[in-house]
């Protein structure tokens, strides 16, 4: 059996594209999930559970910033929402977008809103 699949090109339905399993990179199977409010008052910090290989972070209702701490280090509780240049190790996720990141188990993760609107960080841990 071949590992090749044919997919339809939505721009030109008559054109079929060839895709192999080598073109995909599964991050893992779902392990746990969190739904966290993102506000301006303080970042929410936590430690990824044991067995985690990746996290998937979705910004719902507002953009957010996140920071990943080194394994074994406490999560950073001072991610800046208004001055990201002062914390150049935080990362931006626009509202309605998702960011998938490979991490080591027990790394810390902090999230905060990126603008003036509160939102939700939907976080999936993958093993």
Protein backbone atom coordinates (compact mmCIF):
# COMPACT_ATOMS: atom_id res chain seq x y z
CA UNK A 1 0.00 0.00 0.00
CA UNK A 2 1.26 3.43 -0.91
CA UNK A 3 1.68 6.31 1.55
CA UNK A 4 0.56 8.76 -1.14
CA UNK A 5 -2.76 10.60 -0.97
CA UNK A 6 -4.34 12.83 -3.58
CA UNK A 7 -5.89 16.06 -2.35
CA UNK A 8 -8.01 18.59 -4.23
CA UNK A 9 -6.60 22.05 -4.80
CA UNK A 10 -9.44 24.39 -3.71
CA UNK A 11 -8.21 27.19 -5.99
CA UNK A 12 -8.27 24.93 -9.04
CA UNK A 13 -10.47 21.85 -8.34
CA UNK A 14 -9.33 20.15 -11.53
CA UNK A 15 -5.76 20.10 -10.24
CA UNK A 16 -4.90 17.29 -7.87
CA UNK A 17 -1.83 17.54 -5.68
CA UNK A 18 0.21 14.60 -4.49
CA UNK A 19 0.99 14.49 -0.78
CA UNK A 20 2.95 11.84 1.08
CA UNK A 21 3.03 11.07 4.79
CA UNK A 22 6.51 12.60 4.77
CA UNK A 23 4.82 15.97 4.17
CA UNK A 24 3.06 15.87 7.54
CA UNK A 25 4.51 16.06 11.03
CA UNK A 26 2.08 14.88 13.70
CA UNK A 27 2.86 16.51 17.03
CA UNK A 28 1.32 13.77 19.17
CA UNK A 29 -1.91 12.50 20.63
CA UNK A 30 -4.12 14.62 22.91
CA UNK A 31 -3.14 14.26 26.58
CA UNK A 32 -4.88 17.07 28.48
CA UNK A 33 -6.51 20.46 27.87
CA UNK A 34 -6.86 23.81 29.64
CA UNK A 35 -9.06 26.83 29.01
CA UNK A 36 -7.51 29.94 30.56
CA UNK A 37 -8.81 33.52 30.69
CA UNK A 38 -6.25 36.03 29.40
CA UNK A 39 -6.45 39.41 31.15
CA UNK A 40 -4.29 42.50 31.51
CA UNK A 41 -3.76 42.30 35.25
CA UNK A 42 -1.36 39.35 35.35
CA UNK A 43 -0.18 36.49 33.21
CA UNK A 44 -1.42 33.00 34.01
CA UNK A 45 1.44 30.55 34.54
CA UNK A 46 1.53 26.78 34.89
CA UNK A 47 3.79 23.78 34.34
CA UNK A 48 3.20 21.37 31.47
CA UNK A 49 2.30 17.89 32.77
CA UNK A 50 4.71 14.94 32.59
CA UNK A 51 4.73 13.18 29.23
CA UNK A 52 4.03 16.30 27.15
CA UNK A 53 5.89 16.64 23.83
CA UNK A 54 4.02 19.62 22.40
CA UNK A 55 1.38 22.25 23.13
CA UNK A 56 -1.25 23.72 20.86
CA UNK A 57 -2.37 27.22 21.89
CA UNK A 58 -5.48 28.83 20.35
CA UNK A 59 -6.35 32.50 20.94
CA UNK A 60 -10.14 32.85 21.29
CA UNK A 61 -11.79 36.28 21.44
CA UNK A 62 -8.53 38.25 21.65
CA UNK A 63 -4.86 38.05 20.71
CA UNK A 64 -2.47 36.70 23.34
CA UNK A 65 1.23 36.42 24.13
CA UNK A 66 2.91 33.35 25.59
CA UNK A 67 6.30 32.46 27.05
CA UNK A 68 7.86 29.01 27.54
CA UNK A 69 10.29 28.51 30.44
CA UNK A 70 13.15 26.02 30.52
CA UNK A 71 12.41 22.52 31.79
CA UNK A 72 12.49 22.43 35.57
CA UNK A 73 12.35 26.24 35.82
CA UNK A 74 9.25 27.93 37.22
CA UNK A 75 6.93 29.54 34.69
CA UNK A 76 7.59 33.23 34.12
CA UNK A 77 4.82 35.29 35.72
CA UNK A 78 5.74 38.59 34.07
CA UNK A 79 4.91 38.27 30.38
CA UNK A 80 4.29 41.84 29.21
CA UNK A 81 1.05 42.52 27.33
CA UNK A 82 1.74 46.15 26.52
CA UNK A 83 5.52 46.20 26.00
CA UNK A 84 6.58 42.95 24.30
CA UNK A 85 9.92 44.54 23.38
CA UNK A 86 10.82 44.42 27.08
CA UNK A 87 10.23 40.67 27.06
CA UNK A 88 11.56 39.58 23.67
CA UNK A 89 11.11 35.91 24.56
CA UNK A 90 7.30 36.10 24.48
CA UNK A 91 5.42 35.09 21.35
CA UNK A 92 2.27 36.50 19.71
CA UNK A 93 -0.85 34.57 18.64
CA UNK A 94 -3.53 36.60 16.82
CA UNK A 95 -7.18 36.17 17.76
CA UNK A 96 -8.62 33.16 15.95
CA UNK A 97 -5.21 31.63 15.28
CA UNK A 98 -3.47 28.58 16.74
CA UNK A 99 0.21 28.02 17.44
CA UNK A 100 1.69 24.52 17.83
CA UNK A 101 5.02 24.23 19.65
CA UNK A 102 7.15 21.24 20.54
CA UNK A 103 8.31 21.39 24.17
CA UNK A 104 9.97 19.21 26.78
CA UNK A 105 7.96 17.78 29.65
CA UNK A 106 7.66 19.94 32.77
CA UNK A 107 8.42 23.21 30.98
CA UNK A 108 6.57 26.26 32.30
CA UNK A 109 4.12 28.21 30.16
CA UNK A 110 2.70 31.71 30.76
CA UNK A 111 -0.08 33.47 28.82
CA UNK A 112 -1.52 37.03 28.86
CA UNK A 113 -3.70 39.08 26.55
CA UNK A 114 -1.78 41.02 23.90
CA UNK A 115 -4.10 44.00 23.47
CA UNK A 116 -6.91 45.74 25.33
CA UNK A 117 -9.49 42.92 25.11
CA UNK A 118 -9.72 39.93 27.44
CA UNK A 119 -9.88 36.55 25.75
CA UNK A 120 -9.29 32.86 26.30
CA UNK A 121 -6.26 30.65 25.68
CA UNK A 122 -7.39 27.16 24.67
CA UNK A 123 -4.39 24.93 25.34
CA UNK A 124 -4.02 21.29 24.32
CA UNK A 125 -1.15 19.19 25.65
CA UNK A 126 0.07 16.50 23.26
CA UNK A 127 2.04 13.38 24.14
